[in-house]
Amino acid sequence: MEAKNILLILVPLLGAVVLDFAYRLYRRRRRFRDLPKPPHSFFWGHLKLMGEIASQYPPNCHPQIYITTIARKYGLKGIFYLDLWPVAEPQVVLIEPELMDAVQVQRVYNQHRIADEMLQTMIGRDVVAAANGPVWKKLHNAMAPALLPSHIRNLTGVMADQTMIFRDTLRRFAATGQVFSFEAEVSKLVFDIVGPLIFNFPLHAQTPGGSEYHRDLKQIISLVNQQLSMNPLAKLDVTLKRNAVKKRVDASVTAKIRERLAALRSENIVPSRREPLSILDLMLRETVLKDKGAKAKEIPPAEMELLVTNVKGLMVGAMGTTADVLCYLYMLLSKHPEVMQKMRDEHDRVFGKDLETTVEMVKESPMKLEELEYTTCVLKEAMRLFPVGFGVKEAPRGATVHYQGRDYPVDDGLTIVPCWHTMHFDARYFPEPSAFRPERFLGDAVPRGWFRTFSRGPRACLGQDLAMEDMRVIVLLTVRDFDFACAGLRPNPQPRADFMDLDTTFGDIVFPELAMEAKPRGGMMMTVKERNAS
C-alpha cells in the first residue's frame, strides 16, 4: 500500500518534469528555426554534430578548431548559430571582420560572465581581462601607462638580460642533446621578463633553484585548465587542491603588495603615470594619494582582494599566452630553414653579427627593434596560424548585428563568439591559408581588421605591445645561434582537417588543447643544436 502511495506521488512529479523538459526543449530548438546554422536536430540541437566533429580530432581540442571545421564543412559565412542546450548556452558565431567589429569596436559589449566564473575559483573575481563596467575601467586606467610602447622600451634591457640566461639553458641542452619541454623553459623566461614590469623586482624562475612564484602560478594555470575538463575525477582533483594553492599564493602576493606600499610610503613616493616603475605601483597610486594629509591606513579587504587577483591574473595571462605563441613559432621555424635564414640576415643587417654589440644596441637603442620588419611578419604569421587568445561576449536585450541586408539577434542568453581562427584560415583573406608565409604581412598587404590575434577595440589585449617586444628580443637573441627540432613527431598520413595540412608535417601537436588559451599539446618537446659550436 505504501509503495502504491509513493507511486501516486512520483508519477505525476515525473510527468511534470518530462513535460517541463519537453516544453523547454521545444522553445529552445524553435528559436533557431529561421537562423543560419549547420544541420540541426530537434532533439539533439547541435550536440550530436559537435560530438561528430570532435571525434575527428585528438582529445580536448580547443573549440576554435571545431568552429572552423563546421564553417568549412557546411559553407557557412559571416554569422551562424550553434544550439548546445542543455549542455551549454547557445552561441552566435561571427567569422567575418565587419561582424566582429560590430561587437568589439563599434559597440563594445561586455565580456561574457563565463570568463569570470572560470577564473574566480583559482585567481579571483574581476581579473581585468574578464571584468566589466566601472571595475574594468578602474583597472584598465591604472595599468595602461605601464604597458604603453614608450614604457615597454625601457624594459628591453631586462628582456635582453633574461634572454641571455635562456641562451645558457639552450646551450646546456645542446651540449647533451637532451629532449626538453620548450614550453616549460620558455615560460620561465617570459615569467622573469614580466615579473619586473609587474612588481619592479626580479623573480628568478630561470635560476637553478627556480621560483616558488613560478611553480605556484604554473599549478594555478594547470588547475584552471583542469577544471574545464568534463572528467568528474579531474574536477574532484581541482577541488581537493585549489584551496591550499590559492591560499599560499594569495598570502605571498599580499605580503609583496604590503611591502611595496610600505616602501612607497616611507620614501614618500607617489607613483608617476608618466614614468611608472611597475604596474603594481600604478595600482597603488590611488592609495598613496589618499595618504596625503591623512594618517596612512591599511588597504581595505575588498581592495586588497582586487589587487591580489589582478597581480595573479597579469602574471598568469602574460606568461601563458606569450609562451604559447613562442612554442608554435619555434615549432614552425624548425621546418622552415629558409625563414630562419631570412631572419638571420635581417638581424645581421640591423644589429650586426656580434652578440655583445647586439645586446648593447637592444638596451641603448630599443627603437631599432622596430626595424625588424621581416621578423615581425614571422611573429604575426605564427599567431595567424595559431591564435592563442579566444574571448566571448554577451549583449544587452534587443542587440543585433547587420549582415547582408538582415538584422540577426545576438542577445537573450546567446554567447557571442568572434572566431578569428576561422577567418585566419579563410582564403578570401589569406590565400593558401595553411601555408607558413610571413611575407604576406609585409607592408600594408593585410588590413588591420583581418589579423585579430590580440582582438580589437577597447577590450583588445592590454599587453600586446609587451608581447611583441618580448618576442622580437627573444627571437633576435636566439635564432642566429641555435637550430631547433621538434622531438617525437608523428606526422599524420592524411590531414585531419580540410582547412589545413600542418599535421602531415607535425602530427597532432598542431591541434591546440582547450585551456585558458589555445595551449600547445604535450609541452612542445624539442631538441636544440648550437650553430658553429666549437
Protein backbone atom coordinates (compact mmCIF):
# COMPACT_ATOMS: atom_id res chain seq x y z
CA MET A 1 0.00 0.00 0.00
CA GLU A 2 2.83 2.35 0.88
CA ALA A 3 4.54 1.61 -2.46
CA LYS A 4 1.31 2.43 -4.28
CA ASN A 5 1.03 5.75 -2.47
CA ILE A 6 4.63 6.58 -3.33
CA LEU A 7 3.94 5.79 -6.99
CA LEU A 8 0.86 8.02 -6.93
CA ILE A 9 3.14 10.87 -5.85
CA LEU A 10 6.12 10.08 -8.06
CA VAL A 11 4.30 9.50 -11.35
CA PRO A 12 2.74 12.99 -11.52
CA LEU A 13 6.04 14.55 -10.46
CA LEU A 14 7.93 12.63 -13.13
CA GLY A 15 5.29 13.60 -15.66
CA ALA A 16 5.64 17.25 -14.71
CA VAL A 17 9.44 17.06 -15.09
CA VAL A 18 9.12 15.43 -18.51
CA LEU A 19 6.56 18.00 -19.68
CA ASP A 20 8.72 20.85 -18.41
CA PHE A 21 11.77 19.46 -20.24
CA ALA A 22 9.74 18.93 -23.42
CA TYR A 23 8.40 22.49 -23.28
CA ARG A 24 11.83 23.99 -22.72
CA LEU A 25 13.29 21.78 -25.45
CA TYR A 26 10.61 22.99 -27.87
CA ARG A 27 11.21 26.66 -27.00
CA ARG A 28 14.99 26.31 -27.24
CA ARG A 29 15.00 24.47 -30.54
CA ARG A 30 12.31 26.64 -32.12
CA ARG A 31 14.28 29.86 -31.72
CA PHE A 32 16.87 28.61 -34.24
CA ARG A 33 14.30 27.76 -36.92
CA ASP A 34 14.99 30.67 -39.28
CA LEU A 35 18.61 31.38 -38.38
CA PRO A 36 21.78 30.37 -40.30
CA LYS A 37 23.24 27.20 -38.83
CA PRO A 38 24.67 23.79 -39.65
CA PRO A 39 22.22 20.85 -39.88
CA HIS A 40 20.01 20.96 -36.79
CA SER A 41 18.25 18.15 -34.92
CA PHE A 42 15.08 18.96 -33.00
CA PHE A 43 16.07 16.56 -30.23
CA TRP A 44 19.86 16.95 -30.19
CA GLY A 45 20.20 20.52 -31.42
CA HIS A 46 23.88 20.65 -32.43
CA LEU A 47 25.18 18.44 -29.61
CA LYS A 48 25.41 15.33 -31.77
CA LEU A 49 27.07 17.31 -34.57
CA MET A 50 29.66 18.72 -32.17
CA GLY A 51 30.40 15.21 -30.94
CA GLU A 52 30.92 14.01 -34.50
CA ILE A 53 33.23 16.93 -35.31
CA ALA A 54 35.20 16.45 -32.07
CA SER A 55 35.74 12.77 -32.93
CA GLN A 56 37.83 13.82 -35.97
CA TYR A 57 40.47 15.34 -33.72
CA PRO A 58 42.68 14.47 -30.74
CA PRO A 59 41.03 14.66 -27.29
CA ASN A 60 40.29 18.01 -25.64
CA CYS A 61 40.83 20.23 -28.68
CA HIS A 62 40.19 23.93 -28.39
CA PRO A 63 36.67 24.73 -29.71
CA GLN A 64 38.00 27.14 -32.35
CA ILE A 65 39.09 24.04 -34.29
CA TYR A 66 35.54 22.67 -34.22
CA ILE A 67 34.02 26.01 -35.25
CA THR A 68 36.33 26.37 -38.24
CA THR A 69 35.62 22.77 -39.26
CA ILE A 70 31.85 23.32 -39.09
CA ALA A 71 32.05 26.58 -41.05
CA ARG A 72 34.09 24.93 -43.80
CA LYS A 73 32.09 21.70 -43.95
CA TYR A 74 28.72 23.43 -44.31
CA GLY A 75 29.80 26.51 -46.27
CA LEU A 76 28.76 28.94 -43.52
CA LYS A 77 29.69 32.60 -43.98
CA GLY A 78 29.60 35.64 -41.73
CA ILE A 79 27.33 34.54 -38.91
CA PHE A 80 25.84 31.26 -37.71
CA TYR A 81 24.28 29.79 -34.60
CA LEU A 82 25.05 26.72 -32.50
CA ASP A 83 22.32 25.20 -30.33
CA LEU A 84 24.11 23.39 -27.48
CA TRP A 85 21.32 23.29 -24.87
CA PRO A 86 21.21 21.77 -22.27
CA VAL A 87 24.99 21.17 -22.09
CA ALA A 88 26.00 24.78 -22.79
CA GLU A 89 24.47 28.12 -23.62
CA PRO A 90 23.59 28.72 -27.30
CA GLN A 91 26.22 30.51 -29.36
CA VAL A 92 26.22 33.03 -32.17
CA VAL A 93 29.49 32.72 -34.08
CA LEU A 94 30.96 35.65 -36.04
CA ILE A 95 33.60 34.78 -38.65
CA GLU A 96 34.00 37.93 -40.77
CA PRO A 97 35.85 41.08 -39.66
CA GLU A 98 32.98 43.53 -40.11
CA LEU A 99 30.75 41.46 -37.84
CA MET A 100 33.50 41.13 -35.23
CA ASP A 101 33.97 44.91 -35.35
CA ALA A 102 30.24 45.32 -34.70
CA VAL A 103 30.61 43.76 -31.22
CA GLN A 104 34.22 44.73 -30.42
CA VAL A 105 34.75 48.18 -31.94
CA GLN A 106 31.54 49.91 -33.00
CA ARG A 107 29.68 48.67 -29.92
CA VAL A 108 31.78 47.29 -27.11
CA TYR A 109 29.78 44.54 -25.47
CA ASN A 110 30.66 43.06 -22.10
CA GLN A 111 32.97 40.15 -21.64
CA HIS A 112 30.82 37.08 -21.10
CA ARG A 113 30.31 36.14 -17.46
CA ILE A 114 31.64 32.63 -18.20
CA ALA A 115 35.18 34.05 -18.27
CA ASP A 116 34.87 35.50 -14.76
CA GLU A 117 33.24 32.30 -13.49
CA MET A 118 36.09 30.20 -14.89
CA LEU A 119 38.79 32.33 -13.27
CA GLN A 120 37.26 33.14 -9.90
CA THR A 121 37.84 29.78 -8.20
CA MET A 122 41.63 29.90 -8.60
CA ILE A 123 42.51 33.51 -9.42
CA GLY A 124 39.59 35.57 -8.17
CA ARG A 125 36.75 37.77 -9.37
CA ASP A 126 37.23 40.74 -11.68
CA VAL A 127 40.53 39.93 -13.39
CA VAL A 128 41.00 42.85 -15.77
CA ALA A 129 40.57 40.63 -18.85
CA ALA A 130 37.18 39.36 -17.59
CA ALA A 131 35.88 42.37 -15.63
CA ASN A 132 33.24 44.79 -16.91
CA GLY A 133 31.89 48.24 -16.16
CA PRO A 134 33.48 50.59 -13.61
CA VAL A 135 35.77 47.88 -12.21
CA TRP A 136 37.28 47.26 -15.65
CA LYS A 137 37.69 50.99 -16.31
CA LYS A 138 39.44 51.47 -12.98
CA LEU A 139 41.83 48.58 -13.57
CA HIS A 140 42.49 49.47 -17.21
CA ASN A 141 43.23 53.11 -16.42
CA ALA A 142 45.60 52.10 -13.63
CA MET A 143 47.57 49.56 -15.67
CA ALA A 144 47.63 51.09 -19.15
CA PRO A 145 50.52 53.58 -18.68
CA ALA A 146 52.95 50.75 -17.78
CA LEU A 147 52.02 48.91 -20.97
CA LEU A 148 52.47 51.79 -23.41
CA PRO A 149 55.21 51.29 -26.02
CA SER A 150 57.17 54.23 -24.58
CA HIS A 151 57.47 52.45 -21.22
CA ILE A 152 57.98 48.96 -22.64
CA ARG A 153 61.07 50.21 -24.48
CA ASN A 154 62.60 50.88 -21.06
CA LEU A 155 62.32 47.17 -20.34
CA THR A 156 64.32 45.89 -23.32
CA GLY A 157 67.40 45.66 -21.10
CA VAL A 158 65.55 43.25 -18.80
CA MET A 159 64.35 41.30 -21.83
CA ALA A 160 67.87 41.03 -23.21
CA ASP A 161 69.44 40.04 -19.88
CA GLN A 162 66.86 37.35 -19.23
CA THR A 163 67.15 36.02 -22.77
CA MET A 164 70.92 35.69 -22.28
CA ILE A 165 70.17 33.41 -19.31
CA PHE A 166 67.79 31.47 -21.55
CA ARG A 167 70.63 31.10 -24.08
CA ASP A 168 72.71 29.42 -21.39
CA THR A 169 69.86 26.95 -20.83
CA LEU A 170 69.70 26.24 -24.56
CA ARG A 171 73.45 25.76 -24.68
CA ARG A 172 73.27 23.14 -21.91
CA PHE A 173 70.54 21.22 -23.73
CA ALA A 174 72.52 21.48 -26.97
CA ALA A 175 75.61 20.03 -25.28
CA THR A 176 73.74 16.96 -24.04
CA GLY A 177 71.28 16.52 -26.92
CA GLN A 178 68.56 16.09 -24.30
CA VAL A 179 64.89 16.33 -25.24
CA PHE A 180 63.25 19.11 -23.23
CA SER A 181 59.93 20.87 -22.90
CA PHE A 182 60.28 24.14 -24.76
CA GLU A 183 57.06 25.31 -23.14
CA ALA A 184 58.41 24.72 -19.63
CA GLU A 185 61.68 26.55 -20.27
CA VAL A 186 60.31 29.48 -22.25
CA SER A 187 57.58 30.07 -19.66
CA LYS A 188 60.35 30.69 -17.08
CA LEU A 189 61.95 33.22 -19.43
CA VAL A 190 58.68 35.08 -20.02
CA PHE A 191 57.92 34.99 -16.28
CA ASP A 192 61.28 36.59 -15.50
CA ILE A 193 60.65 39.32 -18.10
CA VAL A 194 57.12 40.09 -16.91
CA GLY A 195 57.96 40.00 -13.19
CA PRO A 196 59.86 43.31 -13.03
CA LEU A 197 57.13 45.03 -15.06
CA ILE A 198 54.51 43.98 -12.52
CA PHE A 199 56.49 44.03 -9.25
CA ASN A 200 59.63 46.08 -10.02
CA PHE A 201 61.82 43.27 -8.69
CA PRO A 202 63.24 40.06 -10.27
CA LEU A 203 61.57 36.67 -9.75
CA HIS A 204 64.46 34.33 -10.73
CA ALA A 205 62.48 31.50 -12.33
CA GLN A 206 65.50 30.67 -14.53
CA THR A 207 67.91 30.23 -11.63
CA PRO A 208 68.89 26.68 -10.54
CA GLY A 209 66.54 26.73 -7.56
CA GLY A 210 63.73 28.22 -9.60
CA SER A 211 60.96 30.44 -8.28
CA GLU A 212 58.18 29.47 -5.89
CA TYR A 213 56.03 32.12 -7.58
CA HIS A 214 56.54 30.46 -10.94
CA ARG A 215 55.83 26.96 -9.65
CA ASP A 216 52.70 28.10 -7.81
CA LEU A 217 51.34 30.05 -10.77
CA LYS A 218 52.03 27.13 -13.12
CA GLN A 219 50.00 24.96 -10.75
CA ILE A 220 47.20 27.54 -10.76
CA ILE A 221 47.19 27.51 -14.57
CA SER A 222 47.11 23.71 -14.53
CA LEU A 223 44.16 23.65 -12.12
CA VAL A 224 42.21 26.29 -14.07
CA ASN A 225 42.73 24.25 -17.22
CA GLN A 226 41.85 21.03 -15.43
CA GLN A 227 38.52 22.37 -14.23
CA LEU A 228 37.47 22.81 -17.88
CA SER A 229 37.58 19.03 -18.23
CA MET A 230 34.35 17.03 -18.46
CA ASN A 231 36.01 14.30 -16.38
CA PRO A 232 34.46 14.32 -12.85
CA LEU A 233 37.66 12.89 -11.34
CA ALA A 234 39.66 15.79 -12.79
CA LYS A 235 37.17 18.25 -11.31
CA LEU A 236 37.41 16.50 -7.93
CA ASP A 237 41.20 16.78 -8.06
CA VAL A 238 40.86 20.54 -8.62
CA THR A 239 38.51 20.84 -5.66
CA LEU A 240 40.92 19.00 -3.38
CA LYS A 241 43.98 21.04 -4.37
CA ARG A 242 42.79 24.53 -5.17
CA ASN A 243 42.25 25.97 -1.68
CA ALA A 244 45.77 25.18 -0.46
CA VAL A 245 47.42 26.56 -3.58
CA LYS A 246 45.25 29.68 -3.73
CA LYS A 247 45.77 30.39 -0.04
CA ARG A 248 49.55 30.08 -0.38
CA VAL A 249 49.76 32.29 -3.48
CA ASP A 250 47.37 34.90 -2.11
CA ALA A 251 49.38 35.18 1.10
CA SER A 252 52.68 35.69 -0.71
CA VAL A 253 51.26 38.23 -3.20
CA THR A 254 49.53 40.11 -0.36
CA ALA A 255 52.83 40.31 1.52
CA LYS A 256 54.60 41.73 -1.54
CA ILE A 257 51.85 44.32 -2.05
CA ARG A 258 52.09 45.46 1.57
CA GLU A 259 55.87 45.53 1.36
CA ARG A 260 55.78 47.73 -1.74
CA LEU A 261 53.16 50.05 -0.26
CA ALA A 262 55.27 50.47 2.88
CA ALA A 263 58.30 51.34 0.73
CA LEU A 264 56.36 53.94 -1.25
CA ARG A 265 55.08 55.50 1.96
CA SER A 266 58.43 55.50 3.75
CA GLU A 267 60.17 57.10 0.76
CA ASN A 268 57.26 59.50 0.19
CA ILE A 269 56.90 58.37 -3.45
CA VAL A 270 53.74 58.96 -5.45
CA PRO A 271 53.91 56.60 -8.45
CA SER A 272 54.05 58.54 -11.72
CA ARG A 273 51.63 57.70 -14.51
CA ARG A 274 54.08 59.24 -16.97
CA GLU A 275 57.12 57.21 -15.84
CA PRO A 276 55.82 54.23 -13.88
CA LEU A 277 58.21 51.85 -12.19
CA SER A 278 55.74 48.93 -12.23
CA ILE A 279 52.11 48.04 -12.73
CA LEU A 280 51.77 47.39 -9.01
CA ASP A 281 52.96 50.94 -8.28
CA LEU A 282 50.26 52.31 -10.57
CA MET A 283 47.63 50.15 -8.89
CA LEU A 284 48.77 51.51 -5.51
CA ARG A 285 48.86 55.12 -6.70
CA GLU A 286 45.32 55.92 -5.55
CA THR A 287 46.05 54.51 -2.09
CA VAL A 288 49.23 56.59 -1.78
CA LEU A 289 47.42 59.75 -2.89
CA LYS A 290 44.81 59.21 -0.17
CA ASP A 291 47.64 59.28 2.39
CA LYS A 292 48.36 62.94 1.66
CA GLY A 293 47.28 64.99 4.65
CA ALA A 294 45.84 61.97 6.42
CA LYS A 295 47.00 59.05 8.52
CA ALA A 296 48.03 56.07 6.42
CA LYS A 297 45.51 53.25 6.57
CA GLU A 298 45.51 49.58 5.71
CA ILE A 299 44.17 48.73 2.28
CA PRO A 300 40.51 47.69 2.71
CA PRO A 301 39.95 43.92 2.32
CA ALA A 302 37.88 44.25 -0.87
CA GLU A 303 40.51 46.50 -2.46
CA MET A 304 43.33 44.13 -1.42
CA GLU A 305 41.44 41.19 -2.90
CA LEU A 306 41.11 43.06 -6.21
CA LEU A 307 44.84 43.88 -6.18
CA VAL A 308 45.87 40.30 -5.41
CA THR A 309 43.52 38.91 -8.06
CA ASN A 310 44.87 41.17 -10.78
CA VAL A 311 48.53 40.68 -9.93
CA LYS A 312 47.94 36.94 -10.28
CA GLY A 313 45.86 37.44 -13.41
CA LEU A 314 48.54 39.54 -15.09
CA MET A 315 51.28 37.03 -14.31
CA VAL A 316 49.22 34.05 -15.49
CA GLY A 317 47.96 35.79 -18.64
CA ALA A 318 51.24 37.30 -19.75
CA MET A 319 53.26 34.15 -19.07
CA GLY A 320 50.84 31.71 -20.67
CA THR A 321 49.93 33.41 -23.93
CA THR A 322 53.41 34.64 -24.88
CA ALA A 323 55.00 31.30 -24.05
CA ASP A 324 52.35 29.52 -26.14
CA VAL A 325 53.00 31.70 -29.19
CA LEU A 326 56.75 31.11 -28.89
CA CYS A 327 56.15 27.35 -28.77
CA TYR A 328 54.26 27.44 -32.06
CA LEU A 329 56.75 29.87 -33.58
CA TYR A 330 59.81 27.69 -32.90
CA MET A 331 57.87 24.61 -34.00
CA LEU A 332 57.21 26.25 -37.37
CA LEU A 333 60.79 27.52 -37.66
CA SER A 334 62.13 24.02 -37.09
CA LYS A 335 60.77 23.02 -40.52
CA HIS A 336 61.42 26.29 -42.34
CA PRO A 337 65.18 26.93 -42.58
CA GLU A 338 64.57 29.48 -45.36
CA VAL A 339 62.57 31.65 -42.92
CA MET A 340 65.27 31.25 -40.28
CA GLN A 341 67.89 32.39 -42.77
CA LYS A 342 65.93 35.46 -43.81
CA MET A 343 65.55 36.45 -40.16
CA ARG A 344 69.24 35.89 -39.52
CA ASP A 345 70.13 38.06 -42.49
CA GLU A 346 67.83 40.80 -41.22
CA HIS A 347 69.30 40.60 -37.71
CA ASP A 348 72.85 40.90 -39.09
CA ARG A 349 71.83 43.85 -41.25
CA VAL A 350 70.10 45.79 -38.46
CA PHE A 351 72.24 44.87 -35.43
CA GLY A 352 75.47 43.50 -36.85
CA LYS A 353 76.82 39.99 -36.33
CA ASP A 354 78.39 40.37 -32.89
CA LEU A 355 76.24 39.15 -29.98
CA GLU A 356 77.59 41.57 -27.39
CA THR A 357 77.08 44.51 -29.73
CA THR A 358 73.53 43.34 -30.43
CA VAL A 359 72.69 43.13 -26.73
CA GLU A 360 74.14 46.60 -26.14
CA MET A 361 72.16 48.07 -29.01
CA VAL A 362 68.93 46.47 -27.77
CA LYS A 363 69.48 48.14 -24.40
CA GLU A 364 70.63 51.54 -25.66
CA SER A 365 68.58 51.86 -28.86
CA PRO A 366 65.39 49.80 -28.38
CA MET A 367 63.71 51.66 -31.26
CA LYS A 368 65.93 49.64 -33.63
CA LEU A 369 63.73 46.63 -32.88
CA GLU A 370 61.08 48.34 -34.99
CA GLU A 371 63.39 47.88 -37.98
CA LEU A 372 62.98 44.09 -37.76
CA GLU A 373 60.16 44.13 -40.31
CA TYR A 374 60.53 40.57 -41.56
CA THR A 375 60.91 39.19 -38.02
CA THR A 376 57.68 40.95 -37.05
CA CYS A 377 55.99 39.37 -40.07
CA VAL A 378 57.18 35.95 -38.90
CA LEU A 379 55.66 36.55 -35.47
CA LYS A 380 52.35 37.64 -36.96
CA GLU A 381 52.21 34.68 -39.32
CA ALA A 382 52.78 32.26 -36.42
CA MET A 383 49.99 33.98 -34.49
CA ARG A 384 47.70 33.88 -37.53
CA LEU A 385 48.12 30.12 -37.79
CA PHE A 386 47.90 29.63 -34.02
CA PRO A 387 45.78 32.38 -32.42
CA VAL A 388 46.05 31.51 -28.73
CA GLY A 389 43.60 34.14 -27.48
CA PHE A 390 39.87 33.46 -27.52
CA GLY A 391 37.22 35.65 -25.90
CA VAL A 392 33.42 35.56 -25.78
CA LYS A 393 30.92 38.34 -25.18
CA GLU A 394 27.31 38.94 -24.21
CA ALA A 395 24.97 41.66 -25.43
CA PRO A 396 22.11 43.63 -23.84
CA ARG A 397 18.47 42.93 -24.67
CA GLY A 398 17.49 43.84 -28.20
CA ALA A 399 21.04 43.81 -29.60
CA THR A 400 21.51 42.75 -33.22
CA VAL A 401 24.18 42.71 -35.91
CA HIS A 402 23.52 43.53 -39.56
CA TYR A 403 24.69 41.18 -42.28
CA GLN A 404 23.72 41.04 -45.96
CA GLY A 405 20.56 43.06 -45.56
CA ARG A 406 19.24 41.41 -42.42
CA ASP A 407 19.47 42.00 -38.68
CA TYR A 408 20.43 38.96 -36.60
CA PRO A 409 19.90 38.66 -32.83
CA VAL A 410 22.92 38.43 -30.53
CA ASP A 411 21.05 38.88 -27.22
CA ASP A 412 18.79 36.79 -24.99
CA GLY A 413 21.36 34.46 -23.50
CA LEU A 414 23.45 33.97 -26.64
CA THR A 415 27.19 33.63 -26.16
CA ILE A 416 28.82 35.82 -28.81
CA VAL A 417 31.87 34.05 -30.27
CA PRO A 418 34.09 36.16 -32.56
CA CYS A 419 36.17 33.32 -34.03
CA TRP A 420 39.16 34.84 -35.81
CA HIS A 421 40.70 31.38 -36.18
CA THR A 422 38.08 30.68 -38.86
CA MET A 423 38.82 33.96 -40.63
CA HIS A 424 42.58 33.35 -40.42
CA PHE A 425 42.03 30.12 -42.39
CA ASP A 426 39.70 31.72 -44.96
CA ALA A 427 41.36 32.04 -48.40
CA ARG A 428 39.35 35.21 -49.07
CA TYR A 429 41.53 36.95 -46.50
CA PHE A 430 44.69 34.84 -46.51
CA PRO A 431 45.39 32.95 -49.78
CA GLU A 432 46.86 29.48 -49.15
CA PRO A 433 45.87 29.80 -45.50
CA SER A 434 47.61 26.62 -44.35
CA ALA A 435 50.99 27.81 -45.67
CA PHE A 436 53.55 29.45 -43.38
CA ARG A 437 54.24 32.58 -45.46
CA PRO A 438 55.47 35.52 -43.35
CA GLU A 439 55.84 37.68 -46.48
CA ARG A 440 52.07 38.09 -46.61
CA PHE A 441 52.38 40.64 -43.77
CA LEU A 442 54.98 42.85 -45.45
CA GLY A 443 53.85 46.45 -45.90
CA ASP A 444 50.11 47.05 -45.66
CA ALA A 445 49.04 43.91 -47.50
CA VAL A 446 46.91 42.69 -44.58
CA PRO A 447 44.24 45.18 -43.40
CA ARG A 448 44.24 45.82 -39.69
CA GLY A 449 40.90 44.12 -39.09
CA TRP A 450 41.96 40.85 -40.68
CA PHE A 451 44.71 39.99 -38.19
CA ARG A 452 42.91 39.69 -34.84
CA THR A 453 45.07 37.54 -32.60
CA PHE A 454 45.07 40.31 -29.98
CA SER A 455 41.38 41.07 -30.64
CA ARG A 456 40.37 44.68 -31.40
CA GLY A 457 38.75 47.69 -29.81
CA PRO A 458 38.94 48.93 -26.21
CA ARG A 459 38.94 45.34 -24.90
CA ALA A 460 41.84 44.23 -27.08
CA CYS A 461 44.77 42.57 -25.31
CA LEU A 462 46.25 45.16 -22.95
CA GLY A 463 49.70 43.58 -23.17
CA GLN A 464 50.02 43.19 -26.94
CA ASP A 465 52.88 45.70 -27.29
CA LEU A 466 54.75 43.98 -24.46
CA ALA A 467 54.23 40.58 -26.07
CA MET A 468 55.52 41.75 -29.46
CA GLU A 469 58.60 43.40 -27.96
CA ASP A 470 59.30 40.34 -25.78
CA MET A 471 59.18 38.05 -28.76
CA ARG A 472 61.29 40.27 -31.03
CA VAL A 473 64.07 40.35 -28.43
CA ILE A 474 63.88 36.61 -27.72
CA VAL A 475 63.96 35.70 -31.42
CA LEU A 476 66.75 38.18 -32.15
CA LEU A 477 68.99 36.70 -29.45
CA THR A 478 68.34 33.02 -30.19
CA VAL A 479 67.72 32.18 -33.86
CA ARG A 480 71.16 33.27 -35.08
CA ASP A 481 72.96 30.80 -32.85
CA PHE A 482 70.59 27.85 -32.42
CA ASP A 483 68.67 25.38 -34.57
CA PHE A 484 65.58 23.72 -33.14
CA ALA A 485 63.87 20.41 -33.89
CA CYS A 486 60.60 19.02 -32.57
CA ALA A 487 61.08 15.70 -30.81
CA GLY A 488 58.95 12.61 -31.30
CA LEU A 489 56.88 13.92 -34.19
CA ARG A 490 54.24 11.57 -35.54
CA PRO A 491 53.02 13.13 -38.80
CA ASN A 492 49.52 12.11 -39.86
CA PRO A 493 49.42 10.33 -43.24
CA GLN A 494 46.32 12.37 -44.16
CA PRO A 495 45.24 15.73 -42.75
CA ARG A 496 42.52 15.54 -40.11
CA ALA A 497 41.09 18.92 -41.18
CA ASP A 498 40.18 20.23 -44.60
CA PHE A 499 41.33 23.77 -43.74
CA MET A 500 44.99 22.92 -43.05
CA ASP A 501 47.54 20.17 -43.56
CA LEU A 502 50.16 21.11 -40.95
CA ASP A 503 49.50 17.84 -39.13
CA THR A 504 51.01 15.94 -42.06
CA THR A 505 54.31 17.56 -41.02
CA PHE A 506 53.98 17.94 -37.25
CA GLY A 507 51.28 15.49 -36.25
CA ASP A 508 48.59 16.21 -33.67
CA ILE A 509 50.58 18.89 -31.82
CA VAL A 510 49.14 21.42 -34.29
CA PHE A 511 45.70 21.00 -32.69
CA PRO A 512 45.75 23.17 -29.55
CA GLU A 513 44.28 21.90 -26.32
CA LEU A 514 41.38 23.57 -24.54
CA ALA A 515 42.80 25.65 -21.70
CA MET A 516 42.69 29.27 -20.57
CA GLU A 517 44.07 29.85 -24.04
CA ALA A 518 44.68 27.62 -27.07
CA LYS A 519 47.51 25.69 -25.43
CA PRO A 520 50.28 23.73 -27.22
CA ARG A 521 49.72 20.00 -26.93
CA GLY A 522 52.22 17.97 -24.90
CA GLY A 523 54.56 20.75 -23.76
CA MET A 524 56.24 21.18 -27.18
CA MET A 525 59.11 18.73 -26.74
CA MET A 526 62.27 19.75 -28.61
CA THR A 527 65.97 19.33 -29.10
CA VAL A 528 68.37 22.15 -29.90
CA LYS A 529 71.76 22.43 -31.59
CA GLU A 530 74.20 25.26 -31.26
CA ARG A 531 75.35 26.59 -34.60
CA ASN A 532 79.10 26.95 -35.17
CA ALA A 533 79.79 25.40 -31.77
CA SER A 534 83.45 24.60 -31.32
